[in-house]
Amino acid sequence: MKFQIKHEIKGRIRIHAAQKRMSFAQADTLQYYLTGYDFVQNVKIRERTCDITISFSGDREDVIHVLRRFSYERIEAPEVIRRLKQYGISKVVMMTGDSDRIASTIADKVGVDEYYSEVLPEDKAKFVEKEKNAGRKVIMIGDGINDSPALSEASVGIAISDGAEIAREIADVTISADDLYEIAILKQLSDAMVRRINKNYRLIVGINTGLIALGIAGVFQPTMSALFHNTSTILISLKSMNDLLDREEMQTIQ
């Protein structure tokens, strides 16, 4: 959501949401977001015109900075983080170059386990390296040039499609949709893929072991064993062509 300044006087600023219509959820989130800052005294939103009037104390640049932060903050982030933890992610860490005041506010809202503010690109990469040296698998998600060193260092680097080109080049995975729920879907897909690989491996080893034992015992002729082997391979391959997640599972995640 982008904003344009329409009118400004001392201690009050009126901005316009540069879109045709702002949803009730977006309006409520914006109001909640702004009132979380001490210098914001009051927020009035006209949903019909998408005009927002903000009364504040102190420096106007603080308000402008907060609005810039909100313009690219992901509203779905808290729910996505909750689901990632549900799917087995043990710790979620936010690293940003913003001030501690801004970082702490966002960290509280989205529900990360740890946050680090005013970090440099090399600091992100060093953190990833430290976590890997501690024996952890690290997934790094970023979309900027500053994220590139950490994306390269991570066990798996994930870039957002509308991010910097160098981030997309370095990352192992690029999410095409502008939606953080895709990260939760990606985690479910990877888990389902591992389960399918392990299941197929057990089936193949079990069937081939059985065929070898029956061949040695003289129950099956070599041609019959080859027929059963090839048939089982085809059937397992056809079964593996099914979707890893069905539509109901996809809708549940989203």
C-alpha atoms as a PDB file:
ATOM      1  CA  MET A   1       0.000   0.000   0.000  1.00  0.00           C
ATOM      2  CA  LYS A   2       1.492   3.351  -1.094  1.00  0.00           C
ATOM      3  CA  PHE A   3       0.597   6.780   0.343  1.00  0.00           C
ATOM      4  CA  GLN A   4       0.512  10.337  -0.956  1.00  0.00           C
ATOM      5  CA  ILE A   5       0.501  13.476   1.238  1.00  0.00           C
ATOM      6  CA  LYS A   6      -2.617  15.571   0.510  1.00  0.00           C
ATOM      7  CA  HIS A   7      -2.499  18.183   3.271  1.00  0.00           C
ATOM      8  CA  GLU A   8      -0.201  19.047   6.125  1.00  0.00           C
ATOM      9  CA  ILE A   9      -0.217  21.441   9.067  1.00  0.00           C
ATOM     10  CA  LYS A  10       1.797  21.461  12.269  1.00  0.00           C
ATOM     11  CA  GLY A  11       1.079  18.312  14.257  1.00  0.00           C
ATOM     12  CA  ARG A  12      -1.291  16.871  11.668  1.00  0.00           C
ATOM     13  CA  ILE A  13      -0.876  15.239   8.305  1.00  0.00           C
ATOM     14  CA  ARG A  14      -3.488  13.939   5.865  1.00  0.00           C
ATOM     15  CA  ILE A  15      -2.454  11.263   3.436  1.00  0.00           C
ATOM     16  CA  HIS A  16      -4.197   9.294   0.712  1.00  0.00           C
ATOM     17  CA  ALA A  17      -3.910   5.580   0.057  1.00  0.00           C
ATOM     18  CA  ALA A  18      -2.931   5.357  -3.600  1.00  0.00           C
ATOM     19  CA  GLN A  19      -5.372   2.620  -4.544  1.00  0.00           C
ATOM     20  CA  LYS A  20      -9.036   2.437  -5.476  1.00  0.00           C
ATOM     21  CA  ARG A  21     -10.245   1.035  -2.206  1.00  0.00           C
ATOM     22  CA  MET A  22      -8.755   0.157   1.163  1.00  0.00           C
ATOM     23  CA  SER A  23     -10.269  -2.918   2.806  1.00  0.00           C
ATOM     24  CA  PHE A  24     -11.548  -2.954   6.396  1.00  0.00           C
ATOM     25  CA  ALA A  25      -8.691  -5.281   7.353  1.00  0.00           C
ATOM     26  CA  GLN A  26      -6.107  -2.897   5.893  1.00  0.00           C
ATOM     27  CA  ALA A  27      -7.725   0.086   7.617  1.00  0.00           C
ATOM     28  CA  ASP A  28      -7.823  -1.658  10.998  1.00  0.00           C
ATOM     29  CA  THR A  29      -4.249  -2.869  10.621  1.00  0.00           C
ATOM     30  CA  LEU A  30      -3.002   0.593   9.660  1.00  0.00           C
ATOM     31  CA  GLN A  31      -4.775   2.195  12.605  1.00  0.00           C
ATOM     32  CA  TYR A  32      -3.413  -0.421  15.003  1.00  0.00           C
ATOM     33  CA  TYR A  33       0.058  -0.080  13.508  1.00  0.00           C
ATOM     34  CA  LEU A  34       0.190   3.723  13.790  1.00  0.00           C
ATOM     35  CA  THR A  35      -1.248   3.957  17.301  1.00  0.00           C
ATOM     36  CA  GLY A  36       1.512   1.650  18.504  1.00  0.00           C
ATOM     37  CA  TYR A  37       3.920   4.600  18.380  1.00  0.00           C
ATOM     38  CA  ASP A  38       4.079   7.056  21.273  1.00  0.00           C
ATOM     39  CA  PHE A  39       4.291  10.120  19.056  1.00  0.00           C
ATOM     40  CA  VAL A  40       1.047   9.250  17.221  1.00  0.00           C
ATOM     41  CA  GLN A  41      -1.868  10.794  19.132  1.00  0.00           C
ATOM     42  CA  ASN A  42      -4.840   9.999  16.915  1.00  0.00           C
ATOM     43  CA  VAL A  43      -5.646   8.287  13.603  1.00  0.00           C
ATOM     44  CA  LYS A  44      -8.825   8.833  11.573  1.00  0.00           C
ATOM     45  CA  ILE A  45      -9.484   6.848   8.415  1.00  0.00           C
ATOM     46  CA  ARG A  46     -12.109   7.609   5.775  1.00  0.00           C
ATOM     47  CA  GLU A  47     -12.436   4.293   4.013  1.00  0.00           C
ATOM     48  CA  ARG A  48     -14.548   5.709   1.210  1.00  0.00           C
ATOM     49  CA  THR A  49     -11.875   8.135   0.074  1.00  0.00           C
ATOM     50  CA  CYS A  50      -8.906   6.257   1.539  1.00  0.00           C
ATOM     51  CA  ASP A  51      -7.857   9.442   3.346  1.00  0.00           C
ATOM     52  CA  ILE A  52      -6.002   9.050   6.631  1.00  0.00           C
ATOM     53  CA  THR A  53      -5.562  11.920   9.083  1.00  0.00           C
ATOM     54  CA  ILE A  54      -2.790  11.459  11.619  1.00  0.00           C
ATOM     55  CA  SER A  55      -2.300  13.717  14.647  1.00  0.00           C
ATOM     56  CA  PHE A  56       1.190  13.494  16.084  1.00  0.00           C
ATOM     57  CA  SER A  57       3.746  15.157  18.305  1.00  0.00           C
ATOM     58  CA  GLY A  58       7.402  15.611  17.479  1.00  0.00           C
ATOM     59  CA  ASP A  59       9.085  15.314  14.120  1.00  0.00           C
ATOM     60  CA  ARG A  60       6.997  14.691  10.983  1.00  0.00           C
ATOM     61  CA  GLU A  61       9.812  12.560   9.589  1.00  0.00           C
ATOM     62  CA  ASP A  62       9.009   9.949  12.235  1.00  0.00           C
ATOM     63  CA  VAL A  63       5.492   9.653  10.800  1.00  0.00           C
ATOM     64  CA  ILE A  64       6.784   9.499   7.225  1.00  0.00           C
ATOM     65  CA  HIS A  65       9.242   6.767   8.176  1.00  0.00           C
ATOM     66  CA  VAL A  66       6.511   4.716   9.855  1.00  0.00           C
ATOM     67  CA  LEU A  67       4.286   5.027   6.775  1.00  0.00           C
ATOM     68  CA  ARG A  68       7.145   3.897   4.571  1.00  0.00           C
ATOM     69  CA  ARG A  69       7.631   0.895   6.788  1.00  0.00           C
ATOM     70  CA  PHE A  70       3.938   0.036   6.622  1.00  0.00           C
ATOM     71  CA  SER A  71       3.869   0.442   2.841  1.00  0.00           C
ATOM     72  CA  TYR A  72       5.893  -2.750   2.453  1.00  0.00           C
ATOM     73  CA  GLU A  73       5.173  -4.575   5.698  1.00  0.00           C
ATOM     74  CA  ARG A  74       3.463  -7.889   5.126  1.00  0.00           C
ATOM     75  CA  ILE A  75       0.139  -8.040   6.939  1.00  0.00           C
ATOM     76  CA  GLU A  76       0.085 -11.838   6.668  1.00  0.00           C
ATOM     77  CA  ALA A  77       3.493 -12.191   8.373  1.00  0.00           C
ATOM     78  CA  PRO A  78       2.214 -13.139  11.901  1.00  0.00           C
ATOM     79  CA  GLU A  79       0.063 -15.977  10.555  1.00  0.00           C
ATOM     80  CA  VAL A  80       2.814 -17.217   8.237  1.00  0.00           C
ATOM     81  CA  ILE A  81       5.332 -17.300  11.108  1.00  0.00           C
ATOM     82  CA  ARG A  82       2.838 -19.172  13.298  1.00  0.00           C
ATOM     83  CA  ARG A  83       2.339 -21.789  10.586  1.00  0.00           C
ATOM     84  CA  LEU A  84       6.043 -22.183   9.919  1.00  0.00           C
ATOM     85  CA  LYS A  85       6.575 -22.966  13.595  1.00  0.00           C
ATOM     86  CA  GLN A  86       3.675 -25.406  13.401  1.00  0.00           C
ATOM     87  CA  TYR A  87       5.393 -27.072  10.437  1.00  0.00           C
ATOM     88  CA  GLY A  88       8.642 -27.570  12.339  1.00  0.00           C
ATOM     89  CA  ILE A  89      10.666 -24.340  12.083  1.00  0.00           C
ATOM     90  CA  SER A  90      12.236 -24.030  15.547  1.00  0.00           C
ATOM     91  CA  LYS A  91      13.309 -20.374  15.515  1.00  0.00           C
ATOM     92  CA  VAL A  92      12.417 -17.322  13.428  1.00  0.00           C
ATOM     93  CA  VAL A  93      14.840 -14.381  13.482  1.00  0.00           C
ATOM     94  CA  MET A  94      14.331 -10.920  11.950  1.00  0.00           C
ATOM     95  CA  MET A  95      17.380  -8.910  10.894  1.00  0.00           C
ATOM     96  CA  THR A  96      17.019  -5.343   9.652  1.00  0.00           C
ATOM     97  CA  GLY A  97      19.026  -2.213   9.098  1.00  0.00           C
ATOM     98  CA  ASP A  98      16.302  -0.097  10.717  1.00  0.00           C
ATOM     99  CA  SER A  99      16.517   1.443  14.170  1.00  0.00           C
ATOM    100  CA  ASP A 100      15.830  -0.595  17.273  1.00  0.00           C
ATOM    101  CA  ARG A 101      12.568   1.268  17.922  1.00  0.00           C
ATOM    102  CA  ILE A 102      11.124   0.339  14.536  1.00  0.00           C
ATOM    103  CA  ALA A 103      12.534  -3.199  14.640  1.00  0.00           C
ATOM    104  CA  SER A 104      11.165  -3.941  18.130  1.00  0.00           C
ATOM    105  CA  THR A 105       7.679  -2.746  17.164  1.00  0.00           C
ATOM    106  CA  ILE A 106       7.545  -4.941  14.069  1.00  0.00           C
ATOM    107  CA  ALA A 107       9.081  -7.899  15.905  1.00  0.00           C
ATOM    108  CA  ASP A 108       6.380  -7.712  18.577  1.00  0.00           C
ATOM    109  CA  LYS A 109       3.634  -7.539  15.956  1.00  0.00           C
ATOM    110  CA  VAL A 110       4.779 -10.440  13.772  1.00  0.00           C
ATOM    111  CA  GLY A 111       5.908 -12.751  16.587  1.00  0.00           C
ATOM    112  CA  VAL A 112       9.540 -13.548  15.803  1.00  0.00           C
ATOM    113  CA  ASP A 113      11.715 -15.251  18.422  1.00  0.00           C
ATOM    114  CA  GLU A 114      14.639 -12.847  18.068  1.00  0.00           C
ATOM    115  CA  TYR A 115      15.371  -9.633  16.225  1.00  0.00           C
ATOM    116  CA  TYR A 116      18.490  -7.658  15.401  1.00  0.00           C
ATOM    117  CA  SER A 117      18.417  -4.010  14.376  1.00  0.00           C
ATOM    118  CA  GLU A 118      20.856  -1.716  12.566  1.00  0.00           C
ATOM    119  CA  VAL A 119      22.699  -4.684  11.062  1.00  0.00           C
ATOM    120  CA  LEU A 120      24.959  -4.529   8.027  1.00  0.00           C
ATOM    121  CA  PRO A 121      24.931  -7.055   5.149  1.00  0.00           C
ATOM    122  CA  GLU A 122      28.051  -8.759   6.512  1.00  0.00           C
ATOM    123  CA  ASP A 123      26.382  -9.035   9.939  1.00  0.00           C
ATOM    124  CA  LYS A 124      23.551 -11.060   8.403  1.00  0.00           C
ATOM    125  CA  ALA A 125      25.989 -13.379   6.675  1.00  0.00           C
ATOM    126  CA  LYS A 126      28.011 -13.844   9.896  1.00  0.00           C
ATOM    127  CA  PHE A 127      24.836 -14.705  11.817  1.00  0.00           C
ATOM    128  CA  VAL A 128      23.886 -17.346   9.242  1.00  0.00           C
ATOM    129  CA  GLU A 129      27.409 -18.779   9.358  1.00  0.00           C
ATOM    130  CA  LYS A 130      27.327 -18.901  13.166  1.00  0.00           C
ATOM    131  CA  GLU A 131      24.006 -20.770  13.169  1.00  0.00           C
ATOM    132  CA  LYS A 132      25.310 -23.271  10.612  1.00  0.00           C
ATOM    133  CA  ASN A 133      28.464 -23.855  12.653  1.00  0.00           C
ATOM    134  CA  ALA A 134      26.194 -24.630  15.605  1.00  0.00           C
ATOM    135  CA  GLY A 135      24.734 -27.511  13.579  1.00  0.00           C
ATOM    136  CA  ARG A 136      21.493 -25.844  12.484  1.00  0.00           C
ATOM    137  CA  LYS A 137      19.906 -25.728   9.062  1.00  0.00           C
ATOM    138  CA  VAL A 138      19.306 -22.093   8.126  1.00  0.00           C
ATOM    139  CA  ILE A 139      16.710 -20.729   5.704  1.00  0.00           C
ATOM    140  CA  MET A 140      17.322 -17.122   4.707  1.00  0.00           C
ATOM    141  CA  ILE A 141      14.505 -15.093   3.161  1.00  0.00           C
ATOM    142  CA  GLY A 142      15.336 -11.744   1.599  1.00  0.00           C
ATOM    143  CA  ASP A 143      14.683  -9.487  -1.351  1.00  0.00           C
ATOM    144  CA  GLY A 144      17.348  -6.795  -1.262  1.00  0.00           C
ATOM    145  CA  ILE A 145      20.936  -6.353  -2.361  1.00  0.00           C
ATOM    146  CA  ASN A 146      21.945  -6.226   1.309  1.00  0.00           C
ATOM    147  CA  ASP A 147      20.501  -9.727   1.798  1.00  0.00           C
ATOM    148  CA  SER A 148      22.638 -11.296  -0.926  1.00  0.00           C
ATOM    149  CA  PRO A 149      25.629 -12.357   1.253  1.00  0.00           C
ATOM    150  CA  ALA A 150      23.322 -14.073   3.764  1.00  0.00           C
ATOM    151  CA  LEU A 151      21.288 -15.713   0.980  1.00  0.00           C
ATOM    152  CA  SER A 152      24.498 -17.151  -0.419  1.00  0.00           C
ATOM    153  CA  GLU A 153      25.658 -18.377   3.001  1.00  0.00           C
ATOM    154  CA  ALA A 154      22.359 -20.008   4.062  1.00  0.00           C
ATOM    155  CA  SER A 155      21.504 -23.687   3.734  1.00  0.00           C
ATOM    156  CA  VAL A 156      18.569 -22.567   1.583  1.00  0.00           C
ATOM    157  CA  GLY A 157      18.205 -19.030   0.246  1.00  0.00           C
ATOM    158  CA  ILE A 158      14.722 -17.829  -0.696  1.00  0.00           C
ATOM    159  CA  ALA A 159      14.166 -14.609  -2.656  1.00  0.00           C
ATOM    160  CA  ILE A 160      10.962 -12.721  -3.406  1.00  0.00           C
ATOM    161  CA  SER A 161      10.155 -12.240  -7.099  1.00  0.00           C
ATOM    162  CA  ASP A 162       9.878  -8.441  -6.906  1.00  0.00           C
ATOM    163  CA  GLY A 163      13.180  -8.124  -5.033  1.00  0.00           C
ATOM    164  CA  ALA A 164      16.608  -7.150  -6.310  1.00  0.00           C
ATOM    165  CA  GLU A 165      17.897  -9.068  -9.315  1.00  0.00           C
ATOM    166  CA  ILE A 166      21.111 -10.097  -7.569  1.00  0.00           C
ATOM    167  CA  ALA A 167      19.084 -11.577  -4.686  1.00  0.00           C
ATOM    168  CA  ARG A 168      17.070 -13.683  -7.144  1.00  0.00           C
ATOM    169  CA  GLU A 169      20.267 -14.792  -8.892  1.00  0.00           C
ATOM    170  CA  ILE A 170      21.940 -15.930  -5.677  1.00  0.00           C
ATOM    171  CA  ALA A 171      18.919 -17.520  -4.000  1.00  0.00           C
ATOM    172  CA  ASP A 172      18.213 -21.237  -4.345  1.00  0.00           C
ATOM    173  CA  VAL A 173      14.462 -20.610  -4.602  1.00  0.00           C
ATOM    174  CA  THR A 174      12.505 -17.614  -5.902  1.00  0.00           C
ATOM    175  CA  ILE A 175       8.874 -17.200  -4.878  1.00  0.00           C
ATOM    176  CA  SER A 176       6.903 -15.962  -7.864  1.00  0.00           C
ATOM    177  CA  ALA A 177       3.802 -14.775  -5.976  1.00  0.00           C
ATOM    178  CA  ASP A 178       3.816 -11.600  -3.886  1.00  0.00           C
ATOM    179  CA  ASP A 179       2.482 -13.473  -0.875  1.00  0.00           C
ATOM    180  CA  LEU A 180       4.342 -14.779   2.176  1.00  0.00           C
ATOM    181  CA  TYR A 181       1.935 -17.714   2.431  1.00  0.00           C
ATOM    182  CA  GLU A 182       3.967 -19.186  -0.434  1.00  0.00           C
ATOM    183  CA  ILE A 183       6.764 -19.778   2.087  1.00  0.00           C
ATOM    184  CA  ALA A 184       4.458 -21.931   4.212  1.00  0.00           C
ATOM    185  CA  ILE A 185       3.356 -23.801   1.085  1.00  0.00           C
ATOM    186  CA  LEU A 186       7.005 -24.287   0.115  1.00  0.00           C
ATOM    187  CA  LYS A 187       7.740 -25.813   3.532  1.00  0.00           C
ATOM    188  CA  GLN A 188       4.787 -28.197   3.179  1.00  0.00           C
ATOM    189  CA  LEU A 189       5.858 -29.142  -0.343  1.00  0.00           C
ATOM    190  CA  SER A 190       9.415 -29.898   0.740  1.00  0.00           C
ATOM    191  CA  ASP A 191       8.209 -32.006   3.684  1.00  0.00           C
ATOM    192  CA  ALA A 192       5.799 -33.900   1.421  1.00  0.00           C
ATOM    193  CA  MET A 193       8.558 -34.481  -1.128  1.00  0.00           C
ATOM    194  CA  VAL A 194      10.889 -35.945   1.501  1.00  0.00           C
ATOM    195  CA  ARG A 195       8.108 -38.222   2.772  1.00  0.00           C
ATOM    196  CA  ARG A 196       7.406 -39.441  -0.767  1.00  0.00           C
ATOM    197  CA  ILE A 197      11.075 -40.107  -1.499  1.00  0.00           C
ATOM    198  CA  ASN A 198      11.466 -42.108   1.720  1.00  0.00           C
ATOM    199  CA  LYS A 199       8.271 -44.054   1.037  1.00  0.00           C
ATOM    200  CA  ASN A 200       9.329 -44.882  -2.531  1.00  0.00           C
ATOM    201  CA  TYR A 201      12.773 -45.912  -1.347  1.00  0.00           C
ATOM    202  CA  ARG A 202      11.301 -48.327   1.214  1.00  0.00           C
ATOM    203  CA  LEU A 203       8.908 -49.756  -1.369  1.00  0.00           C
ATOM    204  CA  ILE A 204      11.620 -50.289  -3.984  1.00  0.00           C
ATOM    205  CA  VAL A 205      14.051 -51.867  -1.517  1.00  0.00           C
ATOM    206  CA  GLY A 206      11.310 -54.078  -0.061  1.00  0.00           C
ATOM    207  CA  ILE A 207      10.000 -55.269  -3.428  1.00  0.00           C
ATOM    208  CA  ASN A 208      13.465 -55.928  -4.880  1.00  0.00           C
ATOM    209  CA  THR A 209      14.599 -57.740  -1.728  1.00  0.00           C
ATOM    210  CA  GLY A 210      11.510 -59.940  -1.922  1.00  0.00           C
ATOM    211  CA  LEU A 211      12.035 -60.666  -5.616  1.00  0.00           C
ATOM    212  CA  ILE A 212      15.692 -61.598  -5.037  1.00  0.00           C
ATOM    213  CA  ALA A 213      14.751 -63.910  -2.169  1.00  0.00           C
ATOM    214  CA  LEU A 214      12.003 -65.579  -4.222  1.00  0.00           C
ATOM    215  CA  GLY A 215      14.374 -65.933  -7.186  1.00  0.00           C
ATOM    216  CA  ILE A 216      17.049 -67.589  -5.048  1.00  0.00           C
ATOM    217  CA  ALA A 217      14.407 -69.935  -3.593  1.00  0.00           C
ATOM    218  CA  GLY A 218      13.404 -70.915  -7.126  1.00  0.00           C
ATOM    219  CA  VAL A 219       9.829 -69.625  -6.770  1.00  0.00           C
ATOM    220  CA  PHE A 220      10.223 -67.105  -9.611  1.00  0.00           C
ATOM    221  CA  GLN A 221      12.060 -67.486 -12.860  1.00  0.00           C
ATOM    222  CA  PRO A 222      14.417 -64.634 -13.809  1.00  0.00           C
ATOM    223  CA  THR A 223      12.008 -63.445 -16.497  1.00  0.00           C
ATOM    224  CA  MET A 224       9.135 -63.347 -13.980  1.00  0.00           C
ATOM    225  CA  SER A 225      11.281 -61.438 -11.455  1.00  0.00           C
ATOM    226  CA  ALA A 226      12.229 -58.904 -14.163  1.00  0.00           C
ATOM    227  CA  LEU A 227       8.558 -58.511 -15.084  1.00  0.00           C
ATOM    228  CA  PHE A 228       7.522 -57.854 -11.469  1.00  0.00           C
ATOM    229  CA  HIS A 229      10.481 -55.500 -10.983  1.00  0.00           C
ATOM    230  CA  ASN A 230       9.653 -53.387 -14.049  1.00  0.00           C
ATOM    231  CA  THR A 231       5.930 -53.410 -13.278  1.00  0.00           C
ATOM    232  CA  SER A 232       6.502 -52.205  -9.700  1.00  0.00           C
ATOM    233  CA  THR A 233       8.846 -49.472 -10.977  1.00  0.00           C
ATOM    234  CA  ILE A 234       6.202 -48.204 -13.415  1.00  0.00           C
ATOM    235  CA  LEU A 235       3.437 -48.286 -10.789  1.00  0.00           C
ATOM    236  CA  ILE A 236       5.553 -46.437  -8.223  1.00  0.00           C
ATOM    237  CA  SER A 237       6.516 -43.838 -10.852  1.00  0.00           C
ATOM    238  CA  LEU A 238       2.880 -43.297 -11.835  1.00  0.00           C
ATOM    239  CA  LYS A 239       1.888 -42.937  -8.188  1.00  0.00           C
ATOM    240  CA  SER A 240       4.642 -40.367  -7.695  1.00  0.00           C
ATOM    241  CA  MET A 241       3.134 -38.178 -10.415  1.00  0.00           C
ATOM    242  CA  ASN A 242       0.240 -37.249  -8.115  1.00  0.00           C
ATOM    243  CA  ASP A 243       0.270 -33.773  -6.570  1.00  0.00           C
ATOM    244  CA  LEU A 244       2.224 -33.512  -3.340  1.00  0.00           C
ATOM    245  CA  LEU A 245      -0.517 -31.325  -1.833  1.00  0.00           C
ATOM    246  CA  ASP A 246      -4.180 -31.553  -2.763  1.00  0.00           C
ATOM    247  CA  ARG A 247      -6.427 -28.519  -3.185  1.00  0.00           C
ATOM    248  CA  GLU A 248      -7.867 -28.732   0.313  1.00  0.00           C
ATOM    249  CA  GLU A 249      -4.384 -28.662   1.845  1.00  0.00           C
ATOM    250  CA  MET A 250      -3.418 -25.670  -0.318  1.00  0.00           C
ATOM    251  CA  GLN A 251      -6.549 -23.757   0.724  1.00  0.00           C
ATOM    252  CA  THR A 252      -5.898 -24.579   4.384  1.00  0.00           C
ATOM    253  CA  ILE A 253      -2.402 -23.091   4.167  1.00  0.00           C
ATOM    254  CA  GLN A 254      -3.624 -19.965   2.388  1.00  0.00           C
END
